[in-house]
N, C-alpha and C. Protein backbone atom coordinates (compact mmCIF):
# COMPACT_ATOMS: atom_id res chain seq x y z
N UNK A 1 -3.09 22.98 -24.74
CA UNK A 1 -2.93 22.54 -24.01
C UNK A 1 -2.84 21.28 -22.76
N UNK A 2 -3.54 21.01 -23.34
CA UNK A 2 -4.04 19.48 -23.43
C UNK A 2 -2.89 18.20 -23.34
N UNK A 3 -2.62 18.60 -24.94
CA UNK A 3 -1.15 17.95 -25.26
C UNK A 3 -0.43 18.48 -24.34
N UNK A 4 -0.33 19.45 -24.09
CA UNK A 4 0.95 19.62 -23.42
C UNK A 4 1.15 18.62 -21.92
N UNK A 5 0.11 18.91 -20.83
CA UNK A 5 -0.16 18.39 -20.10
C UNK A 5 -0.58 16.34 -19.63
N UNK A 6 -1.04 16.27 -21.37
CA UNK A 6 -0.70 14.93 -21.74
C UNK A 6 0.87 14.37 -21.55
N UNK A 7 1.61 14.86 -22.03
CA UNK A 7 3.35 14.92 -22.43
C UNK A 7 3.80 14.92 -21.11
N UNK A 8 3.68 15.52 -19.77
CA UNK A 8 3.77 15.67 -19.24
C UNK A 8 3.49 14.61 -18.25
N UNK A 9 2.24 14.03 -18.18
CA UNK A 9 1.86 12.92 -17.01
C UNK A 9 2.05 11.60 -17.78
N UNK A 10 2.73 11.82 -19.22
CA UNK A 10 3.49 10.37 -19.94
C UNK A 10 4.79 10.10 -19.00
N UNK A 11 5.48 11.09 -19.05
CA UNK A 11 6.67 11.42 -18.51
C UNK A 11 7.07 10.66 -17.22
N UNK A 12 5.85 11.37 -16.42
CA UNK A 12 5.64 10.72 -15.18
C UNK A 12 5.62 9.26 -14.66
N UNK A 13 4.08 9.00 -15.65
CA UNK A 13 3.78 7.12 -15.94
C UNK A 13 5.60 6.16 -15.99
N UNK A 14 6.42 6.87 -16.90
CA UNK A 14 7.33 6.31 -17.27
C UNK A 14 8.17 5.94 -15.88
N UNK A 15 8.30 4.29 -15.38
CA UNK A 15 9.22 3.49 -14.39
C UNK A 15 11.07 4.48 -14.14
N UNK A 16 11.44 4.21 -13.00
CA UNK A 16 12.52 4.28 -13.06
C UNK A 16 13.52 3.01 -13.28
N UNK A 17 14.32 3.06 -14.06
CA UNK A 17 15.46 1.98 -14.88
C UNK A 17 15.37 0.94 -13.96
N UNK A 18 15.64 0.96 -12.40
CA UNK A 18 15.59 0.22 -11.61
C UNK A 18 14.17 -0.68 -11.77
N UNK A 19 13.03 -0.53 -12.37
CA UNK A 19 11.02 -0.64 -11.97
C UNK A 19 10.91 -1.87 -13.41
N UNK A 20 9.90 -2.33 -13.28
CA UNK A 20 9.78 -3.15 -14.45
C UNK A 20 9.12 -2.36 -15.36
N UNK A 21 9.50 -2.22 -16.73
CA UNK A 21 9.45 -1.29 -17.50
C UNK A 21 8.09 -0.90 -18.20
N UNK A 22 7.69 0.16 -18.90
CA UNK A 22 6.12 0.24 -18.94
C UNK A 22 5.67 0.21 -20.43
N UNK A 23 4.98 -0.34 -21.02
CA UNK A 23 4.39 -0.41 -22.64
C UNK A 23 3.98 0.67 -22.73
N UNK A 24 4.04 0.62 -24.39
CA UNK A 24 2.89 1.70 -24.66
C UNK A 24 1.48 1.12 -24.42
N UNK A 25 0.78 0.57 -24.67
CA UNK A 25 0.07 -0.17 -24.45
C UNK A 25 -0.75 0.49 -23.28
N UNK A 26 0.64 -0.03 -21.87
CA UNK A 26 -0.05 0.06 -20.67
C UNK A 26 -0.70 1.60 -20.44
N UNK A 27 1.08 2.49 -20.46
CA UNK A 27 0.54 3.61 -20.91
C UNK A 27 -0.81 4.08 -21.07
N UNK A 28 -1.57 4.06 -22.24
CA UNK A 28 -2.13 4.15 -22.58
C UNK A 28 -3.56 3.91 -21.94
N UNK A 29 -3.29 3.42 -21.83
CA UNK A 29 -5.00 2.22 -20.23
C UNK A 29 -4.45 3.53 -19.34
N UNK A 30 -3.44 4.01 -18.49
CA UNK A 30 -3.03 4.27 -17.98
C UNK A 30 -3.59 5.73 -17.72
N UNK A 31 -3.56 6.28 -19.53
CA UNK A 31 -3.48 7.79 -19.23
C UNK A 31 -4.78 7.57 -19.53
N UNK A 32 -5.92 6.77 -20.11
CA UNK A 32 -7.73 7.37 -20.10
C UNK A 32 -7.99 7.01 -18.86
N UNK A 33 -7.03 6.30 -17.88
CA UNK A 33 -7.65 6.31 -16.76
C UNK A 33 -7.51 7.85 -16.14
N UNK A 34 -7.18 8.45 -16.51
CA UNK A 34 -6.73 9.68 -15.34
C UNK A 34 -7.54 10.78 -16.65
N UNK A 35 -8.60 10.73 -18.02
CA UNK A 35 -8.85 11.08 -19.40
C UNK A 35 -8.00 11.65 -19.51
N UNK A 36 -7.14 11.54 -20.00
CA UNK A 36 -6.21 11.21 -21.14
C UNK A 36 -6.59 10.21 -22.39
N UNK A 37 -7.44 11.14 -23.31
CA UNK A 37 -7.52 9.62 -24.31
C UNK A 37 -6.74 9.96 -25.59
N UNK A 38 -6.22 9.32 -25.95
CA UNK A 38 -5.24 8.96 -27.13
C UNK A 38 -4.50 7.80 -27.44
N UNK A 39 -4.62 8.13 -29.06
CA UNK A 39 -4.95 6.68 -29.89
C UNK A 39 -3.24 6.28 -29.43
N UNK A 40 -3.14 4.39 -29.60
CA UNK A 40 -1.55 4.40 -29.44
C UNK A 40 -0.72 4.62 -30.40
N UNK A 41 -0.61 4.71 -31.70
CA UNK A 41 0.41 5.27 -32.53
C UNK A 41 0.80 7.28 -32.15
N UNK A 42 0.03 8.15 -31.85
CA UNK A 42 -0.08 9.07 -30.89
C UNK A 42 0.63 9.16 -29.84
N UNK A 43 0.79 7.89 -29.14
CA UNK A 43 1.46 8.11 -28.53
C UNK A 43 2.88 6.98 -28.72
N UNK A 44 2.66 6.50 -29.51
CA UNK A 44 4.03 5.96 -29.76
C UNK A 44 4.92 7.67 -30.50
N UNK A 45 4.44 8.29 -31.56
CA UNK A 45 5.43 8.83 -31.63
C UNK A 45 5.40 10.19 -30.56
N UNK A 46 4.80 9.61 -29.51
CA UNK A 46 5.19 10.74 -28.57
C UNK A 46 6.49 10.61 -27.74
N UNK A 47 6.12 9.21 -27.39
CA UNK A 47 7.81 8.80 -26.84
C UNK A 47 9.03 9.43 -26.97
N UNK A 48 8.78 8.86 -28.46
CA UNK A 48 9.79 9.55 -29.59
C UNK A 48 10.35 10.27 -29.98
N UNK A 49 9.04 11.70 -30.15
CA UNK A 49 9.91 12.64 -29.55
C UNK A 49 10.35 13.02 -28.46
N UNK A 50 9.70 12.91 -27.55
CA UNK A 50 10.34 12.74 -25.89
C UNK A 50 11.16 12.42 -25.37
N UNK A 51 11.71 11.13 -26.02
CA UNK A 51 13.20 10.55 -25.71
C UNK A 51 14.35 11.32 -26.77
N UNK A 52 13.91 12.59 -27.44
CA UNK A 52 14.85 12.91 -28.17
C UNK A 52 15.00 14.07 -27.20
N UNK A 53 14.50 14.40 -25.66
CA UNK A 53 14.59 15.78 -25.02
C UNK A 53 14.85 14.81 -24.15
N UNK A 54 14.47 14.73 -23.04
CA UNK A 54 13.85 13.77 -21.88
C UNK A 54 15.26 11.96 -22.47
N UNK A 55 15.46 11.75 -21.00
CA UNK A 55 17.44 10.55 -21.09
C UNK A 55 15.36 9.27 -20.71
N UNK A 56 14.40 9.04 -21.66
CA UNK A 56 13.65 7.68 -21.38
C UNK A 56 14.53 6.85 -22.38
N UNK A 57 14.35 5.30 -22.59
CA UNK A 57 14.73 5.04 -23.24
C UNK A 57 13.86 3.32 -23.88
N UNK A 58 13.84 3.26 -24.96
CA UNK A 58 12.91 2.06 -25.15
C UNK A 58 13.40 0.68 -24.96
N UNK A 59 13.07 -0.07 -24.36
CA UNK A 59 14.00 -1.37 -24.05
C UNK A 59 13.09 -2.67 -25.67
N UNK A 60 13.89 -2.67 -25.64
CA UNK A 60 13.81 -4.50 -26.70
C UNK A 60 13.23 -5.59 -26.87
N UNK A 61 12.12 -6.28 -27.36
CA UNK A 61 11.29 -6.65 -27.12
C UNK A 61 9.78 -6.89 -27.35
N UNK A 62 8.90 -7.63 -27.56
CA UNK A 62 7.75 -7.71 -27.83
C UNK A 62 6.58 -7.48 -26.68
N UNK A 63 6.11 -6.78 -26.60
CA UNK A 63 6.26 -5.11 -26.47
C UNK A 63 6.98 -4.15 -26.76
N UNK A 64 7.45 -3.04 -27.14
CA UNK A 64 8.64 -2.45 -26.56
C UNK A 64 7.81 -2.19 -25.68
N UNK A 65 9.02 -1.74 -24.37
CA UNK A 65 8.67 -0.81 -23.36
C UNK A 65 9.72 0.35 -22.74
N UNK A 66 9.37 0.82 -22.67
CA UNK A 66 9.96 2.10 -21.63
C UNK A 66 9.97 2.54 -19.91
N UNK A 67 11.42 2.57 -19.78
CA UNK A 67 11.83 3.90 -18.73
C UNK A 67 12.92 4.49 -18.47
N UNK A 68 13.26 5.05 -18.00
CA UNK A 68 14.12 6.36 -17.99
C UNK A 68 15.52 5.99 -17.60
N UNK A 69 15.99 5.94 -18.33
CA UNK A 69 18.07 5.16 -18.05
C UNK A 69 18.49 5.61 -17.38
N UNK A 70 19.36 4.59 -16.25
CA UNK A 70 19.49 4.47 -15.43
C UNK A 70 20.61 5.39 -15.03
N UNK A 71 20.82 6.61 -15.74
CA UNK A 71 21.32 7.57 -14.97
C UNK A 71 20.51 9.29 -14.76
N UNK A 72 19.47 9.05 -14.67
CA UNK A 72 18.53 9.85 -14.71
C UNK A 72 18.40 10.82 -13.90
N UNK A 73 18.30 11.50 -13.43
CA UNK A 73 17.54 12.61 -12.41
C UNK A 73 15.95 12.57 -12.58
N UNK A 74 15.82 12.37 -10.73
CA UNK A 74 14.81 12.39 -10.97
C UNK A 74 13.60 13.03 -11.68
N UNK A 75 12.54 12.38 -12.99
CA UNK A 75 11.67 13.84 -12.87
C UNK A 75 10.21 14.32 -12.03
N UNK A 76 10.82 15.10 -11.06
CA UNK A 76 8.77 15.57 -10.61
C UNK A 76 8.38 17.35 -11.38
N UNK A 77 7.31 16.95 -10.91
CA UNK A 77 6.11 18.49 -11.04
C UNK A 77 5.88 18.88 -10.19
N UNK A 78 5.85 19.14 -9.70
CA UNK A 78 6.20 20.39 -9.48
C UNK A 78 7.79 19.60 -9.11
N UNK A 79 8.99 21.08 -9.20
CA UNK A 79 10.64 20.90 -8.78
C UNK A 79 10.26 20.70 -7.21
N UNK A 80 11.78 20.24 -7.46
CA UNK A 80 12.09 20.18 -5.82
C UNK A 80 12.85 21.43 -5.76
N UNK A 81 12.61 21.38 -4.49
CA UNK A 81 12.70 22.90 -4.06
C UNK A 81 13.84 22.55 -2.93
N UNK A 82 14.13 23.96 -2.78
CA UNK A 82 15.55 24.17 -1.76
C UNK A 82 16.39 23.35 -0.89
N UNK A 83 14.68 23.17 0.03
CA UNK A 83 15.52 22.79 1.29
C UNK A 83 14.32 20.99 1.52
N UNK A 84 13.84 20.75 0.46
CA UNK A 84 13.86 19.43 -0.31
C UNK A 84 15.42 18.49 -0.87
N UNK A 85 15.99 19.48 -1.55
CA UNK A 85 17.16 19.09 -2.07
C UNK A 85 18.39 19.53 -0.65
N UNK A 86 18.23 20.20 -0.06
CA UNK A 86 19.36 20.04 1.01
C UNK A 86 18.67 18.96 2.42
N UNK A 87 17.24 18.67 2.25
CA UNK A 87 16.80 17.47 3.19
C UNK A 87 17.63 15.83 2.13
N UNK A 88 17.99 15.59 1.16
CA UNK A 88 17.81 14.44 0.06
C UNK A 88 19.90 15.17 0.43
N UNK A 89 19.87 15.97 0.14
CA UNK A 89 21.90 15.88 0.36
C UNK A 89 22.13 15.34 1.94
N UNK A 90 21.71 15.74 3.22
CA UNK A 90 21.87 15.27 4.37
C UNK A 90 22.00 13.64 4.31
N UNK A 91 20.67 13.81 3.75
CA UNK A 91 20.23 11.86 3.77
C UNK A 91 21.05 11.54 3.14
N UNK A 92 21.94 11.89 1.72
CA UNK A 92 22.83 11.06 0.98
C UNK A 92 24.51 11.19 2.29
N UNK A 93 24.62 12.40 2.61
CA UNK A 93 25.84 12.17 3.51
C UNK A 93 25.77 11.69 5.00
N UNK A 94 24.25 10.44 5.29
CA UNK A 94 25.10 10.47 6.59
C UNK A 94 24.14 9.21 7.28
N UNK A 95 22.89 9.55 6.23
CA UNK A 95 21.69 8.52 6.54
C UNK A 95 22.17 7.47 5.50
N UNK A 96 22.74 7.28 3.91
CA UNK A 96 22.41 6.14 2.94
C UNK A 96 23.03 5.12 3.57
N UNK A 97 23.82 5.00 4.36
CA UNK A 97 24.62 3.66 4.78
C UNK A 97 22.98 2.66 5.64
N UNK A 98 22.39 3.25 6.33
CA UNK A 98 21.60 2.95 7.95
C UNK A 98 20.84 2.32 6.39
N UNK A 99 20.70 2.43 4.90
CA UNK A 99 18.92 2.06 3.97
C UNK A 99 18.76 1.11 3.65
N UNK A 100 18.48 -0.32 3.27
CA UNK A 100 18.70 -1.26 2.45
C UNK A 100 18.70 -0.62 1.05
N UNK A 101 19.71 -2.25 0.42
CA UNK A 101 20.51 -1.53 -0.89
C UNK A 101 19.01 -1.02 -2.10
N UNK A 102 17.86 -1.96 -1.45
CA UNK A 102 17.00 -1.25 -2.67
C UNK A 102 16.37 0.29 -2.52
N UNK A 103 15.96 0.61 -1.27
CA UNK A 103 15.97 1.90 -1.21
C UNK A 103 16.79 3.19 -2.02
N UNK A 104 18.26 2.74 -1.31
CA UNK A 104 19.52 3.25 -2.09
C UNK A 104 19.23 3.64 -3.45
N UNK A 105 19.24 2.70 -4.30
CA UNK A 105 18.74 2.64 -5.27
C UNK A 105 17.25 3.62 -6.16
N UNK A 106 16.18 3.32 -5.60
CA UNK A 106 15.29 4.14 -5.90
C UNK A 106 15.08 5.14 -4.69
N UNK A 107 16.25 5.73 -4.65
CA UNK A 107 16.46 7.50 -3.96
C UNK A 107 17.60 7.79 -4.95
N UNK A 108 18.45 7.41 -5.40
CA UNK A 108 19.60 7.89 -7.00
C UNK A 108 19.08 9.17 -7.25
N UNK A 109 18.28 8.57 -8.07
CA UNK A 109 17.67 10.19 -9.10
C UNK A 109 17.65 11.14 -8.41
N UNK A 110 16.96 11.19 -6.50
CA UNK A 110 16.57 12.37 -6.64
C UNK A 110 17.92 13.05 -5.32
N UNK A 111 18.62 11.96 -5.67
CA UNK A 111 20.08 12.14 -4.45
C UNK A 111 21.02 13.10 -5.69
N UNK A 112 20.54 12.74 -6.99
CA UNK A 112 21.35 13.74 -8.02
C UNK A 112 20.71 14.79 -8.85
N UNK A 113 19.63 15.20 -8.35
CA UNK A 113 19.08 15.98 -8.63
C UNK A 113 18.95 17.03 -7.66
N UNK A 114 19.00 16.21 -6.70
CA UNK A 114 19.53 17.59 -5.35
C UNK A 114 21.03 18.17 -5.57
N UNK A 115 21.71 16.89 -5.97
CA UNK A 115 23.48 17.40 -5.92
C UNK A 115 23.16 18.63 -7.01
N UNK A 116 22.31 18.60 -7.83
CA UNK A 116 22.45 19.65 -9.43
C UNK A 116 21.65 21.03 -8.89
N UNK A 117 20.58 20.95 -8.24
CA UNK A 117 19.61 22.37 -7.50
C UNK A 117 20.48 23.03 -6.80
N UNK A 118 21.29 22.81 -5.52
CA UNK A 118 22.53 22.74 -4.95
C UNK A 118 23.82 23.53 -5.72
N UNK A 119 24.20 22.78 -5.87
CA UNK A 119 25.20 23.22 -7.44
C UNK A 119 25.35 24.40 -8.15
N UNK A 120 23.53 24.78 -8.18
CA UNK A 120 23.30 25.58 -9.21
C UNK A 120 22.71 26.89 -8.41
N UNK A 121 23.26 26.66 -6.64
CA UNK A 121 22.73 27.75 -6.28
C UNK A 121 24.56 28.79 -6.44
N UNK A 122 24.88 29.52 -6.85
CA UNK A 122 25.84 30.17 -6.17
C UNK A 122 25.99 30.67 -4.43
N UNK A 123 27.05 30.76 -3.59
CA UNK A 123 27.02 31.02 -2.03
C UNK A 123 25.51 31.50 -1.69
N UNK A 124 24.57 30.83 -2.21
CA UNK A 124 23.29 30.59 -1.25
C UNK A 124 23.68 29.37 0.44
N UNK A 125 22.73 30.77 1.54
CA UNK A 125 22.73 29.95 2.56
C UNK A 125 22.27 28.44 2.40
N UNK A 126 21.49 28.00 1.68
CA UNK A 126 21.16 26.43 1.96
C UNK A 126 22.10 25.92 1.39
N UNK A 127 22.37 26.94 -0.08
CA UNK A 127 23.33 25.08 -0.20
C UNK A 127 24.40 25.02 0.35
N UNK A 128 25.71 26.30 0.70
CA UNK A 128 25.98 26.12 1.90
C UNK A 128 26.31 25.75 3.22
N UNK A 129 25.00 25.39 3.50
CA UNK A 129 24.92 24.58 4.64
C UNK A 129 25.52 23.09 5.30
N UNK A 130 25.68 21.76 3.62
CA UNK A 130 26.41 21.14 4.30
C UNK A 130 27.86 21.20 4.68
N UNK A 131 28.23 22.22 4.54
CA UNK A 131 29.46 22.28 4.70
C UNK A 131 29.17 22.88 6.06
N UNK A 132 28.63 23.04 6.52
CA UNK A 132 28.62 24.10 8.24
C UNK A 132 28.55 22.92 9.10
N UNK A 133 27.87 22.03 8.60
CA UNK A 133 27.79 20.76 9.38
C UNK A 133 28.65 19.62 9.30
N UNK A 134 28.53 19.55 10.65
CA UNK A 134 29.42 17.55 10.27
C UNK A 134 28.92 16.60 11.36
N UNK A 135 28.79 15.39 11.23
CA UNK A 135 27.94 14.65 13.09
C UNK A 135 29.62 14.15 12.20
N UNK A 136 30.00 14.02 13.88
CA UNK A 136 31.28 13.00 14.68
C UNK A 136 30.48 12.62 15.63
N UNK A 137 31.80 11.36 16.06
CA UNK A 137 31.67 10.73 16.88
C UNK A 137 31.41 11.06 18.65
N UNK A 138 31.11 10.79 19.89
CA UNK A 138 31.27 11.54 21.01
C UNK A 138 32.40 10.42 21.63
N UNK A 139 33.04 9.64 21.04
CA UNK A 139 34.06 9.06 21.82
C UNK A 139 35.26 7.98 20.57
N UNK A 140 36.52 7.51 20.68
CA UNK A 140 37.35 7.42 19.75
C UNK A 140 36.25 6.31 18.41
N UNK A 141 36.85 7.14 17.55
CA UNK A 141 36.37 6.50 16.55
C UNK A 141 36.62 4.54 16.15
N UNK A 142 36.36 3.62 16.46
CA UNK A 142 36.80 2.65 16.34
C UNK A 142 37.74 2.36 14.35
N UNK A 143 38.25 1.08 14.34
CA UNK A 143 38.59 1.00 13.23
C UNK A 143 37.71 0.24 12.27
N UNK A 144 37.24 1.28 11.43
CA UNK A 144 35.59 0.63 10.04
C UNK A 144 36.37 -1.56 10.04
N UNK A 145 35.60 -2.35 10.01
CA UNK A 145 36.24 -3.58 9.45
C UNK A 145 36.05 -2.81 8.24
N UNK A 146 36.41 -4.79 7.14
CA UNK A 146 36.36 -4.61 6.20
C UNK A 146 34.48 -5.40 5.73
N UNK A 147 33.91 -4.50 4.86
CA UNK A 147 32.23 -4.96 5.01
C UNK A 147 31.93 -5.24 3.71
N UNK A 148 31.58 -6.08 3.02
CA UNK A 148 31.03 -6.69 1.70
C UNK A 148 30.09 -6.27 1.59
N UNK A 149 29.61 -5.69 0.01
CA UNK A 149 29.12 -4.38 0.14
C UNK A 149 27.60 -5.83 0.03
N UNK A 150 27.73 -6.90 -0.33
CA UNK A 150 26.71 -8.03 -0.79
C UNK A 150 26.36 -8.79 0.54
N UNK A 151 26.99 -8.75 1.33
CA UNK A 151 26.60 -8.96 2.72
C UNK A 151 25.44 -8.22 3.21
N UNK A 152 26.29 -6.99 2.95
CA UNK A 152 25.43 -6.68 3.64
C UNK A 152 24.12 -5.74 3.12
N UNK A 153 23.87 -5.77 1.42
CA UNK A 153 23.01 -5.93 0.94
C UNK A 153 22.15 -6.80 1.08
N UNK A 154 22.42 -8.50 1.38
CA UNK A 154 21.34 -9.25 1.51
C UNK A 154 20.60 -9.40 3.03
N UNK A 155 21.62 -9.10 4.25
CA UNK A 155 21.44 -9.13 5.58
C UNK A 155 20.33 -7.78 5.49
N UNK A 156 20.07 -7.12 5.27
CA UNK A 156 19.53 -5.83 5.58
C UNK A 156 18.62 -5.72 4.31
N UNK A 157 18.23 -6.36 3.18
CA UNK A 157 16.56 -6.63 2.39
C UNK A 157 16.09 -7.60 2.74
N UNK A 158 16.82 -8.51 4.02
CA UNK A 158 16.05 -9.86 4.55
C UNK A 158 15.25 -8.77 6.03
N UNK A 159 16.63 -8.28 6.19
CA UNK A 159 15.30 -7.35 7.66
C UNK A 159 14.53 -6.71 6.93
N UNK A 160 14.57 -5.82 6.13
CA UNK A 160 13.61 -5.05 5.70
C UNK A 160 12.24 -6.12 4.99
N UNK A 161 12.54 -7.30 3.91
CA UNK A 161 10.65 -7.86 4.03
C UNK A 161 10.60 -9.06 4.55
N UNK A 162 11.47 -8.86 5.74
CA UNK A 162 11.35 -10.16 7.22
C UNK A 162 11.77 -11.15 6.87
N UNK A 163 12.54 -11.46 6.05
CA UNK A 163 12.83 -13.53 5.56
C UNK A 163 13.62 -13.65 6.19
N UNK A 164 14.23 -14.68 6.44
CA UNK A 164 15.43 -15.19 6.83
C UNK A 164 16.26 -15.64 5.47
N UNK A 165 17.78 -15.24 6.18
CA UNK A 165 18.61 -15.92 4.66
C UNK A 165 20.31 -17.12 5.28
N UNK A 166 20.25 -17.41 4.40
CA UNK A 166 21.29 -18.49 4.32
C UNK A 166 22.78 -17.86 4.29
N UNK A 167 23.61 -17.77 5.73
CA UNK A 167 24.52 -17.63 5.42
C UNK A 167 25.49 -18.35 6.10
N UNK A 168 27.18 -17.65 6.20
CA UNK A 168 28.08 -18.69 6.94
C UNK A 168 29.40 -17.54 7.64
N UNK A 169 29.35 -18.13 9.09
CA UNK A 169 30.55 -17.31 9.80
C UNK A 169 31.10 -18.21 10.41
N UNK A 170 32.10 -17.78 10.50
CA UNK A 170 33.47 -17.98 11.33
C UNK A 170 33.90 -17.41 12.47
N UNK A 171 33.58 -18.12 13.36
CA UNK A 171 33.72 -17.69 15.06
C UNK A 171 35.16 -17.74 15.26
N UNK A 172 35.54 -16.45 16.02
CA UNK A 172 36.86 -15.92 16.33
C UNK A 172 37.95 -17.18 16.41
N UNK A 173 37.91 -17.72 17.08
CA UNK A 173 38.75 -18.96 17.77
C UNK A 173 38.56 -19.87 16.34
N UNK A 174 37.51 -20.35 16.03
CA UNK A 174 37.14 -21.46 15.74
C UNK A 174 38.39 -20.96 13.34
N UNK A 175 38.31 -22.99 13.46
CA UNK A 175 39.15 -23.47 13.03
C UNK A 175 38.11 -23.44 11.09
N UNK A 176 36.80 -23.31 10.98
CA UNK A 176 36.52 -23.44 10.25
C UNK A 176 35.21 -22.91 10.21
N UNK A 177 34.24 -21.79 8.87
CA UNK A 177 33.65 -21.83 9.47
C UNK A 177 32.26 -22.13 9.08
N UNK A 178 30.75 -22.43 9.35
CA UNK A 178 29.69 -22.91 9.99
C UNK A 178 28.96 -22.37 8.72
N UNK A 179 27.37 -22.99 8.69
CA UNK A 179 26.51 -22.92 7.94
C UNK A 179 25.60 -22.37 8.68
N UNK A 180 24.50 -20.86 8.53
CA UNK A 180 23.65 -21.03 9.05
C UNK A 180 22.73 -20.41 8.89
N UNK A 181 21.36 -20.79 9.42
CA UNK A 181 19.73 -20.26 9.00
C UNK A 181 19.93 -18.93 9.75
N UNK A 182 19.63 -17.74 9.25
CA UNK A 182 20.01 -16.07 10.37
C UNK A 182 18.20 -15.34 9.91
N UNK A 183 18.24 -15.27 11.15
CA UNK A 183 16.47 -14.53 11.37
C UNK A 183 16.78 -13.58 11.41
N UNK A 184 17.01 -11.95 10.97
CA UNK A 184 17.75 -10.96 11.30
C UNK A 184 16.68 -9.59 12.00
N UNK A 185 17.23 -10.14 12.35
CA UNK A 185 16.44 -8.84 14.02
C UNK A 185 16.27 -7.24 13.69
N UNK A 186 17.35 -6.58 13.36
CA UNK A 186 17.74 -5.05 13.55
C UNK A 186 19.36 -5.27 12.62
N UNK A 187 19.53 -4.18 12.57
CA UNK A 187 21.15 -3.43 12.51
C UNK A 187 20.94 -2.37 12.75
N UNK A 188 22.28 -2.09 14.16
CA UNK A 188 23.16 -1.59 14.76
C UNK A 188 24.39 -0.58 14.20
N UNK A 189 23.88 0.51 13.56
CA UNK A 189 24.88 1.56 13.54
C UNK A 189 25.80 2.63 14.70
N UNK A 190 26.65 1.51 15.61
CA UNK A 190 27.29 2.06 16.43
C UNK A 190 28.79 2.74 15.58
N UNK A 191 28.74 3.10 14.96
CA UNK A 191 30.06 4.21 13.35
C UNK A 191 30.81 3.91 13.84
N UNK A 192 32.44 3.89 13.06
CA UNK A 192 31.74 2.86 12.13
C UNK A 192 31.06 0.83 11.55
N UNK A 193 31.11 1.44 12.72
CA UNK A 193 31.07 -0.68 13.06
C UNK A 193 29.66 -0.65 12.76
N UNK A 194 29.25 -1.86 11.89
CA UNK A 194 28.01 -2.37 12.15
C UNK A 194 27.42 -3.31 12.50
N UNK A 195 26.79 -4.08 13.37
CA UNK A 195 26.04 -5.61 13.53
C UNK A 195 24.57 -5.45 13.31
N UNK A 196 24.96 -6.57 13.87
CA UNK A 196 23.14 -7.36 12.95
C UNK A 196 23.32 -8.14 14.06
N UNK A 197 21.41 -7.94 14.54
CA UNK A 197 20.97 -9.02 15.61
C UNK A 197 19.72 -9.46 15.18
N UNK A 198 19.78 -10.96 15.16
CA UNK A 198 19.81 -11.96 14.86
C UNK A 198 19.56 -13.19 15.06
N UNK A 199 18.81 -14.21 15.13
CA UNK A 199 19.06 -15.77 15.22
C UNK A 199 18.77 -16.51 14.86
């Protein structure tokens, strides 16, 4: 039983692909701090065995380090229930655009897991809820502008971290664009248009 619990905890301590991978010695120290004493060689064998069952990958280098693969679903114990899966599904449908890029990346595994859970519930009242609700604008919708995803990523991350960024802007009647140091204060989502409030 202790071995099983140690394996579960090992999997939980392995970071997702978008974070810095963790070495076997770091894992051993983290496990030891939680009362799971294990020799480094044993842990290395554990990781090799676990990688044949779970989508964890070994990163080359010295020392070897581990992370979940980029397309892995989030590994949670206890598992995600249907209410949580529904919440993540609605967040994905209606709120993802409002989240900074780093948060969307961190939530990707949860979203994938939520879709899997709801898809496996045949004709379940909870799984069918996203098809029964729809968010619509109260006024005639505006034509959406072409929004460069990289521009939004820079602006939203700067807003999240409360830092300034350098940008180029061309006024409507100007002949040339100008460079500005932008201090982002907020984002307004008037679907489908996004406004950046800045000084």
